[in-house]
Amino acid sequence: MKSLIFTTIGGLALFTAYSISAAEMSTEVPLELKKPAHASPWQRYRTRKWKPSHDWKDFSNLRHDIPSAISQPQVVETPIQGDPEKGKKLAAERKRGGSCYTCHIMPDAKLPGNIGFDLSVIGLWGRSDERLYNYIYDARQFNPNTIMPPWGAHQVYTPAEIKDIVAYLKTLTKYEGIDDKNNPAKRTMPVETRDNLDPFENSAMDAKDLGEELFVTPGPNDQSCQSCHAKAVEKQFTTWAATMPKFETRLNKIIGIEEFITRHARATTGAEYLAQSEKNIALAIYLRYLANGQAISIDASDANTQAAIERGKALMQRKIGQLNFACMDCHQKYANRWIRGQYLAEPRGTYAHFPTYRTSRGAIWDIRKRFQWCNVSIRANELPPDAPEYGDIEIYLATLNEGEKLNVPGIRH
């Protein structure tokens, strides 16, 4: 096919017609190819409660697949002599993977989840102490496909703590019911009703304005994006964002809009818009904003793109982290349920609004930050934002959202 792309002659960027694959990014597009797209050296995700010292290198992540063998049955002295009060506190504790309330209805639980069984009267089930202990220690002994974390085998809880939890479970013999407010089966599925394009509703609209300003701001090479793309704002850019990400043969990986901005700016205007920086996100929002209303349409007609999609699919099915979850455990197998007060959405409908303003974080997240945060949540070491693995997941997720219309910037809790 014929497409208008850029080449550079004596530092001047020009529109030129070339025959290119619609699926892959043209090698004629100027990109800086040697440096990482992120701040270097890269530092792992930081929040008030999360420090890089939390290292989960002994467990699989999206880059390293570390085998986790199913445990042999643990022999414990019965009847188990644990402390029920300590066990109750452990069942409710949020600091270690969310604990029992994340997935189970239990007495006194506030906003429990409903992925697992209702444990309100598990003390009447007739399970032996040893079976209860081993189910908590490593439920894969009983169901290799379970999504219950191997709490003991992956060293989230000590043997003594598991005994305390067993002692607590044995006390649950009287059903006291659950009020409608806490009952996950009666909660209303969250629906975003705010107008994401209203600057009074969505702070990320300020970023759109910044992106528009940066688009016309000259970089160190005395050129701006507009120097070459003035007409593209009204033509190519009304659809371009809906066709991204794409496979970049020179980098041998999928790149999204954010990484493209970094590398293309370095090679043309000379500006430095590092991935996940304020200016990078602003430009990414602006370029997607120009294509709002366009249906996501990924051209997967070439072998490289097809292979990336298959890798992304496999990565989303890989069990990772100390909690041993896969993306699809939450977002396919148990989608449309709850973990505590958080709703587990299906993959479709989770992509077209990124970058999005997170009201709970007071920050704008691009899709790679969303991937990183999911890794952190299940105690898997996250990767840099330009990691090839995230590119594979992004393009697979984009194909699952084929036909969804861009609506950027988004706004979510």
Protein backbone atom coordinates (compact mmCIF):
# COMPACT_ATOMS: atom_id res chain seq x y z
CA MET A 1 0.00 0.00 0.00
CA LYS A 2 1.04 3.65 -0.39
CA SER A 3 1.32 5.74 2.74
CA LEU A 4 2.61 9.21 3.62
CA ILE A 5 5.52 8.85 6.03
CA PHE A 6 8.62 10.77 6.95
CA THR A 7 12.17 10.72 5.74
CA THR A 8 14.93 13.15 6.63
CA ILE A 9 17.19 14.99 4.20
CA GLY A 10 19.82 17.23 5.69
CA GLY A 11 17.89 17.35 8.95
CA LEU A 12 14.66 18.43 7.20
CA ALA A 13 11.71 16.10 7.65
CA LEU A 14 9.56 15.62 4.57
CA PHE A 15 6.38 13.76 3.66
CA THR A 16 7.25 11.03 1.16
CA ALA A 17 5.21 8.21 -0.39
CA TYR A 18 6.57 4.70 0.20
CA SER A 19 5.24 1.18 -0.14
CA ILE A 20 5.06 -0.30 3.34
CA SER A 21 3.36 -3.08 5.25
CA ALA A 22 0.22 -1.73 6.87
CA ALA A 23 0.85 -3.91 9.90
CA GLU A 24 4.49 -3.09 10.63
CA MET A 25 5.88 0.38 11.22
CA SER A 26 7.87 1.66 8.26
CA THR A 27 11.64 1.60 8.63
CA GLU A 28 11.66 5.03 6.97
CA VAL A 29 10.07 6.66 10.01
CA PRO A 30 12.89 8.41 11.94
CA LEU A 31 13.37 6.84 15.36
CA GLU A 32 16.19 6.94 17.88
CA LEU A 33 16.96 3.26 18.40
CA LYS A 34 19.82 2.89 20.88
CA LYS A 35 18.72 4.34 24.20
CA PRO A 36 15.92 3.13 26.46
CA ALA A 37 12.70 5.10 26.17
CA HIS A 38 12.49 5.52 29.95
CA ALA A 39 14.59 7.38 32.49
CA SER A 40 17.90 5.60 32.95
CA PRO A 41 18.81 3.87 35.16
CA TRP A 42 15.26 2.66 35.53
CA GLN A 43 13.94 2.41 39.06
CA ARG A 44 11.09 0.14 39.97
CA TYR A 45 7.65 1.46 40.79
CA ARG A 46 7.50 3.76 43.81
CA THR A 47 4.56 4.76 45.98
CA ARG A 48 4.15 5.68 49.61
CA LYS A 49 3.54 2.03 50.48
CA TRP A 50 5.69 0.39 47.83
CA LYS A 51 9.47 0.40 47.84
CA PRO A 52 11.88 -1.24 45.41
CA SER A 53 13.26 -3.21 48.37
CA HIS A 54 10.19 -5.43 47.93
CA ASP A 55 11.91 -7.82 45.57
CA TRP A 56 10.01 -10.86 44.29
CA LYS A 57 12.89 -12.23 42.21
CA ASP A 58 12.26 -15.78 43.46
CA PHE A 59 8.89 -15.83 41.71
CA SER A 60 7.90 -15.68 38.06
CA ASN A 61 7.22 -12.40 36.34
CA LEU A 62 6.42 -11.60 32.72
CA ARG A 63 10.08 -11.91 31.72
CA HIS A 64 11.31 -14.82 33.82
CA ASP A 65 9.31 -18.02 34.16
CA ILE A 66 10.45 -19.63 37.41
CA PRO A 67 8.88 -23.07 37.99
CA SER A 68 6.79 -23.37 41.15
CA ALA A 69 6.29 -27.01 42.04
CA ILE A 70 3.08 -28.12 43.73
CA SER A 71 3.86 -28.92 47.34
CA GLN A 72 3.73 -32.37 48.83
CA PRO A 73 1.07 -32.77 51.55
CA GLN A 74 2.29 -31.25 54.79
CA VAL A 75 2.14 -33.47 57.85
CA VAL A 76 0.84 -31.56 60.87
CA GLU A 77 0.03 -32.62 64.39
CA THR A 78 -3.73 -32.73 64.92
CA PRO A 79 -5.93 -31.45 66.31
CA ILE A 80 -4.29 -28.17 65.39
CA GLN A 81 -3.73 -25.91 68.37
CA GLY A 82 -3.82 -22.40 66.96
CA ASP A 83 -5.05 -19.03 68.18
CA PRO A 84 -8.48 -18.23 66.62
CA GLU A 85 -8.21 -14.51 67.42
CA LYS A 86 -4.87 -14.26 65.63
CA GLY A 87 -6.36 -16.25 62.77
CA LYS A 88 -9.29 -13.85 62.46
CA LYS A 89 -6.91 -10.89 62.21
CA LEU A 90 -4.84 -12.69 59.58
CA ALA A 91 -7.99 -13.45 57.56
CA ALA A 92 -8.75 -9.74 57.42
CA GLU A 93 -5.22 -8.39 56.97
CA ARG A 94 -4.71 -6.41 53.75
CA LYS A 95 -0.94 -6.21 53.85
CA ARG A 96 -0.31 -9.76 52.68
CA GLY A 97 -2.12 -10.18 49.42
CA GLY A 98 -5.49 -9.08 50.73
CA SER A 99 -5.94 -12.31 52.70
CA CYS A 100 -9.14 -14.34 52.98
CA TYR A 101 -11.64 -11.48 52.72
CA THR A 102 -10.37 -10.67 49.24
CA CYS A 103 -12.14 -13.68 47.76
CA HIS A 104 -14.43 -15.10 50.47
CA ILE A 105 -17.54 -14.05 52.36
CA MET A 106 -16.81 -14.47 56.07
CA PRO A 107 -18.36 -13.14 59.29
CA ASP A 108 -17.59 -9.45 59.95
CA ALA A 109 -15.99 -9.03 56.53
CA LYS A 110 -16.37 -5.54 55.07
CA LEU A 111 -16.85 -5.61 51.29
CA PRO A 112 -15.67 -9.20 50.84
CA GLY A 113 -15.00 -10.69 47.43
CA ASN A 114 -16.85 -13.56 45.79
CA ILE A 115 -14.26 -15.43 43.79
CA GLY A 116 -14.09 -18.25 46.32
CA PHE A 117 -16.61 -20.14 48.40
CA ASP A 118 -18.69 -18.49 51.11
CA LEU A 119 -16.80 -19.56 54.25
CA SER A 120 -19.37 -18.33 56.76
CA VAL A 121 -19.93 -21.84 58.19
CA ILE A 122 -16.84 -23.72 57.03
CA GLY A 123 -16.55 -25.10 60.56
CA LEU A 124 -19.57 -27.31 59.76
CA TRP A 125 -18.15 -28.73 56.55
CA GLY A 126 -16.45 -31.67 58.22
CA ARG A 127 -13.00 -30.93 56.80
CA SER A 128 -10.12 -32.37 58.80
CA ASP A 129 -7.58 -30.04 60.37
CA GLU A 130 -4.87 -31.47 58.12
CA ARG A 131 -6.94 -30.88 54.98
CA LEU A 132 -7.72 -27.28 55.97
CA TYR A 133 -4.05 -26.67 56.71
CA ASN A 134 -2.90 -28.10 53.39
CA TYR A 135 -5.57 -26.26 51.42
CA ILE A 136 -4.27 -22.98 52.78
CA TYR A 137 -0.64 -24.05 52.47
CA ASP A 138 -0.98 -24.97 48.78
CA ALA A 139 -4.44 -25.49 47.29
CA ARG A 140 -2.83 -26.77 44.09
CA GLN A 141 -2.52 -30.13 45.86
CA PHE A 142 -6.30 -30.48 45.44
CA ASN A 143 -6.86 -28.43 42.27
CA PRO A 144 -3.86 -27.71 40.03
CA ASN A 145 -5.86 -25.00 38.23
CA THR A 146 -6.94 -23.12 41.34
CA ILE A 147 -6.39 -19.38 41.55
CA MET A 148 -6.01 -19.53 45.34
CA PRO A 149 -2.49 -18.36 46.20
CA PRO A 150 -0.18 -21.02 47.66
CA TRP A 151 -0.02 -19.08 50.93
CA GLY A 152 2.41 -21.39 52.67
CA ALA A 153 4.40 -22.75 49.75
CA HIS A 154 5.11 -19.19 48.57
CA GLN A 155 5.93 -18.05 52.11
CA VAL A 156 3.18 -15.48 52.51
CA TYR A 157 2.16 -17.11 55.80
CA THR A 158 4.28 -19.11 58.21
CA PRO A 159 3.19 -22.59 59.34
CA ALA A 160 2.24 -21.15 62.73
CA GLU A 161 0.08 -18.48 61.09
CA ILE A 162 -1.69 -21.05 58.95
CA LYS A 163 -2.50 -23.00 62.11
CA ASP A 164 -4.02 -19.85 63.60
CA ILE A 165 -6.17 -19.40 60.48
CA VAL A 166 -7.31 -23.04 60.67
CA ALA A 167 -8.22 -22.55 64.33
CA TYR A 168 -10.33 -19.53 63.34
CA LEU A 169 -12.07 -21.34 60.48
CA LYS A 170 -13.10 -24.12 62.86
CA THR A 171 -15.04 -21.57 64.94
CA LEU A 172 -17.26 -20.59 61.99
CA THR A 173 -20.32 -22.74 62.71
CA LYS A 174 -23.22 -20.26 62.82
CA TYR A 175 -24.56 -18.47 59.76
CA GLU A 176 -25.32 -14.86 60.63
CA GLY A 177 -26.12 -13.67 57.11
CA ILE A 178 -24.67 -10.73 55.23
CA ASP A 179 -26.26 -7.36 54.63
CA ASP A 180 -26.95 -6.17 51.10
CA LYS A 181 -24.28 -3.49 51.31
CA ASN A 182 -21.55 -6.07 51.87
CA ASN A 183 -22.98 -8.85 49.72
CA PRO A 184 -20.91 -8.99 46.50
CA ALA A 185 -23.72 -10.83 44.71
CA LYS A 186 -25.97 -7.79 45.15
CA ARG A 187 -23.49 -5.04 44.36
CA THR A 188 -24.09 -3.03 41.24
CA MET A 189 -21.46 -3.31 38.52
CA PRO A 190 -19.56 -0.01 38.44
CA VAL A 191 -20.36 2.14 35.41
CA GLU A 192 -18.40 5.31 34.66
CA THR A 193 -20.91 8.11 34.12
CA ARG A 194 -18.65 11.16 34.31
CA ASP A 195 -17.98 13.10 31.13
CA ASN A 196 -14.31 12.34 30.55
CA LEU A 197 -13.96 15.21 28.06
CA ASP A 198 -15.27 17.80 30.52
CA PRO A 199 -12.27 19.64 32.04
CA PHE A 200 -14.32 20.29 35.18
CA GLU A 201 -14.77 16.53 35.60
CA ASN A 202 -11.46 15.20 34.30
CA SER A 203 -8.14 16.72 35.30
CA ALA A 204 -6.48 14.86 32.44
CA MET A 205 -7.99 17.35 30.00
CA ASP A 206 -5.28 19.72 31.22
CA ALA A 207 -2.78 17.20 29.89
CA LYS A 208 -4.55 17.25 26.52
CA ASP A 209 -4.06 21.02 26.43
CA LEU A 210 -0.39 20.61 27.36
CA GLY A 211 0.04 18.03 24.60
CA GLU A 212 -1.49 20.39 22.07
CA GLU A 213 0.93 23.09 23.20
CA LEU A 214 3.93 20.77 23.02
CA PHE A 215 2.92 19.76 19.50
CA VAL A 216 3.68 23.29 18.26
CA THR A 217 6.68 23.95 20.54
CA PRO A 218 10.09 23.78 18.78
CA GLY A 219 12.65 21.40 20.24
CA PRO A 220 16.44 21.79 20.36
CA ASN A 221 16.58 21.23 16.58
CA ASP A 222 14.32 24.26 16.01
CA GLN A 223 11.53 22.05 14.73
CA SER A 224 8.22 21.16 16.32
CA CYS A 225 5.85 18.30 15.62
CA GLN A 226 3.74 20.76 13.67
CA SER A 227 6.67 21.61 11.38
CA CYS A 228 6.04 18.33 9.58
CA HIS A 229 2.61 17.27 10.79
CA ALA A 230 0.44 20.37 10.39
CA LYS A 231 -1.80 18.74 7.80
CA ALA A 232 -1.69 15.38 9.56
CA VAL A 233 -3.66 16.82 12.48
CA GLU A 234 -6.67 17.06 10.19
CA LYS A 235 -5.99 13.89 8.19
CA GLN A 236 -3.72 11.03 9.31
CA PHE A 237 -3.97 11.75 13.03
CA THR A 238 -7.74 11.46 12.98
CA THR A 239 -7.25 7.68 12.69
CA TRP A 240 -3.58 6.93 13.46
CA ALA A 241 -3.89 6.30 17.20
CA ALA A 242 -6.62 3.72 16.63
CA THR A 243 -4.16 1.60 14.60
CA MET A 244 -1.46 1.52 17.28
CA PRO A 245 0.55 -0.24 18.66
CA LYS A 246 2.66 -1.63 15.82
CA PHE A 247 5.61 -3.94 15.32
CA GLU A 248 8.89 -2.05 14.87
CA THR A 249 11.36 -4.22 12.94
CA ARG A 250 14.44 -2.19 13.89
CA LEU A 251 13.72 -2.72 17.58
CA ASN A 252 12.25 -6.19 17.00
CA LYS A 253 9.28 -5.51 19.24
CA ILE A 254 5.88 -3.87 19.50
CA ILE A 255 5.96 -0.18 20.34
CA GLY A 256 3.03 1.86 21.52
CA ILE A 257 2.30 5.54 21.09
CA GLU A 258 4.20 6.55 24.23
CA GLU A 259 7.47 4.90 23.16
CA PHE A 260 6.99 6.17 19.61
CA ILE A 261 6.76 9.74 20.94
CA THR A 262 10.04 9.33 22.84
CA ARG A 263 12.00 7.86 19.96
CA HIS A 264 10.52 9.94 17.14
CA ALA A 265 11.04 13.22 19.02
CA ARG A 266 14.67 12.37 19.71
CA ALA A 267 15.25 11.68 16.02
CA THR A 268 13.45 14.80 14.74
CA THR A 269 12.81 17.75 17.04
CA GLY A 270 15.50 16.71 19.51
CA ALA A 271 13.08 16.96 22.44
CA GLU A 272 13.34 14.45 25.26
CA TYR A 273 9.93 13.08 26.20
CA LEU A 274 10.75 10.10 28.40
CA ALA A 275 8.14 7.39 28.79
CA GLN A 276 5.67 8.04 31.62
CA SER A 277 6.88 11.62 32.05
CA GLU A 278 4.33 14.44 32.20
CA LYS A 279 5.10 15.65 28.67
CA ASN A 280 5.13 12.18 27.14
CA ILE A 281 1.72 11.38 28.61
CA ALA A 282 0.40 14.78 27.51
CA LEU A 283 1.41 14.20 23.89
CA ALA A 284 0.08 10.64 24.00
CA ILE A 285 -3.27 11.94 25.21
CA TYR A 286 -3.37 14.65 22.54
CA LEU A 287 -2.60 12.24 19.69
CA ARG A 288 -5.29 9.84 20.87
CA TYR A 289 -7.70 12.72 21.46
CA LEU A 290 -7.37 13.61 17.77
CA ALA A 291 -8.63 10.10 16.93
CA ASN A 292 -11.44 9.98 19.49
CA GLY A 293 -14.48 8.17 18.13
CA GLN A 294 -12.40 5.97 15.83
CA ALA A 295 -12.75 2.22 16.29
CA ILE A 296 -9.62 0.35 17.36
CA SER A 297 -8.33 -1.46 14.28
CA ILE A 298 -5.15 -3.52 14.52
CA ASP A 299 -3.69 -4.81 11.27
CA ALA A 300 -2.29 -8.25 12.07
CA SER A 301 -1.57 -9.30 8.51
CA ASP A 302 2.19 -9.80 8.97
CA ALA A 303 3.99 -12.65 10.73
CA ASN A 304 5.75 -10.44 13.30
CA THR A 305 2.52 -8.89 14.53
CA GLN A 306 0.80 -12.26 14.64
CA ALA A 307 3.66 -13.71 16.70
CA ALA A 308 3.53 -10.77 19.11
CA ILE A 309 -0.21 -11.25 19.61
CA GLU A 310 0.33 -14.94 20.39
CA ARG A 311 3.10 -14.06 22.87
CA GLY A 312 0.82 -11.52 24.51
CA LYS A 313 -1.94 -14.10 24.84
CA ALA A 314 0.49 -16.57 26.44
CA LEU A 315 1.83 -13.92 28.84
CA MET A 316 -1.68 -13.07 30.00
CA GLN A 317 -2.16 -16.74 30.88
CA ARG A 318 1.14 -17.09 32.78
CA LYS A 319 0.97 -17.47 36.56
CA ILE A 320 3.30 -14.91 38.10
CA GLY A 321 4.27 -13.41 41.42
CA GLN A 322 4.20 -14.58 44.99
CA LEU A 323 0.40 -14.71 44.76
CA ASN A 324 0.59 -16.87 41.62
CA PHE A 325 -2.03 -15.10 39.50
CA ALA A 326 -2.38 -14.79 35.73
CA CYS A 327 -4.04 -11.80 34.06
CA MET A 328 -6.78 -14.06 32.77
CA ASP A 329 -7.46 -15.56 36.20
CA CYS A 330 -9.04 -12.27 37.21
CA HIS A 331 -10.12 -10.82 33.89
CA GLN A 332 -11.50 -13.89 32.15
CA LYS A 333 -11.96 -16.91 34.41
CA TYR A 334 -13.43 -14.86 37.26
CA ALA A 335 -14.36 -11.69 35.42
CA ASN A 336 -17.46 -9.78 36.54
CA ARG A 337 -16.88 -10.72 40.17
CA TRP A 338 -15.31 -8.89 43.08
CA ILE A 339 -12.09 -8.94 45.06
CA ARG A 340 -13.01 -7.03 48.17
CA GLY A 341 -14.50 -3.80 46.80
CA GLN A 342 -12.77 -3.99 43.43
CA TYR A 343 -14.67 -5.16 40.38
CA LEU A 344 -12.88 -7.52 37.98
CA ALA A 345 -13.66 -6.36 34.47
CA GLU A 346 -13.37 -8.37 31.28
CA PRO A 347 -10.49 -7.39 28.95
CA ARG A 348 -12.89 -5.82 26.47
CA GLY A 349 -13.64 -2.30 27.58
CA THR A 350 -10.41 -1.85 29.53
CA TYR A 351 -8.21 -0.28 26.85
CA ALA A 352 -9.82 2.43 24.69
CA HIS A 353 -9.82 5.08 27.44
CA PHE A 354 -6.07 5.00 28.23
CA PRO A 355 -4.24 7.15 29.21
CA THR A 356 -6.72 7.68 32.01
CA TYR A 357 -6.96 9.84 35.11
CA ARG A 358 -7.04 7.73 38.28
CA THR A 359 -9.02 9.71 40.86
CA SER A 360 -7.86 7.35 43.63
CA ARG A 361 -4.23 8.09 42.75
CA GLY A 362 -4.51 11.70 41.64
CA ALA A 363 -2.45 10.80 38.59
CA ILE A 364 -2.71 9.95 34.91
CA TRP A 365 -1.76 6.40 33.99
CA ASP A 366 -0.84 5.15 30.56
CA ILE A 367 -1.59 1.51 29.76
CA ARG A 368 1.94 0.40 30.67
CA LYS A 369 1.57 1.90 34.17
CA ARG A 370 -1.63 -0.15 34.48
CA PHE A 371 0.35 -3.29 33.60
CA GLN A 372 3.10 -2.40 36.07
CA TRP A 373 0.63 -1.79 38.86
CA CYS A 374 -1.10 -5.13 38.27
CA ASN A 375 2.31 -6.80 38.56
CA VAL A 376 2.97 -4.99 41.83
CA SER A 377 -0.44 -5.98 43.19
CA ILE A 378 0.27 -9.69 42.82
CA ARG A 379 3.85 -9.36 44.06
CA ALA A 380 5.63 -9.87 40.77
CA ASN A 381 8.59 -7.69 39.84
CA GLU A 382 7.35 -5.20 37.27
CA LEU A 383 9.28 -4.28 34.12
CA PRO A 384 10.35 -0.97 32.54
CA PRO A 385 7.56 0.72 30.56
CA ASP A 386 9.20 -0.04 27.20
CA ALA A 387 9.59 -3.77 27.97
CA PRO A 388 8.87 -5.99 24.95
CA GLU A 389 6.61 -8.12 27.14
CA TYR A 390 4.32 -5.17 27.81
CA GLY A 391 4.24 -4.43 24.09
CA ASP A 392 3.06 -7.97 23.38
CA ILE A 393 0.35 -7.70 26.02
CA GLU A 394 -0.71 -4.29 24.76
CA ILE A 395 -1.25 -5.44 21.19
CA TYR A 396 -3.09 -8.57 22.33
CA LEU A 397 -5.31 -6.43 24.55
CA ALA A 398 -5.87 -4.06 21.63
CA THR A 399 -7.08 -6.97 19.48
CA LEU A 400 -9.49 -7.99 22.26
CA ASN A 401 -10.84 -4.43 22.07
CA GLU A 402 -11.12 -4.38 18.28
CA GLY A 403 -14.01 -2.12 17.31
CA GLU A 404 -14.12 -0.26 20.62
CA LYS A 405 -13.97 3.50 20.04
CA LEU A 406 -11.17 5.64 21.44
CA ASN A 407 -12.33 7.94 24.22
CA VAL A 408 -9.25 9.66 25.65
CA PRO A 409 -8.40 10.88 28.21
CA GLY A 410 -10.35 8.48 30.37
CA ILE A 411 -11.36 8.88 33.98
CA ARG A 412 -11.63 6.02 36.46
CA HIS A 413 -11.43 5.50 40.19
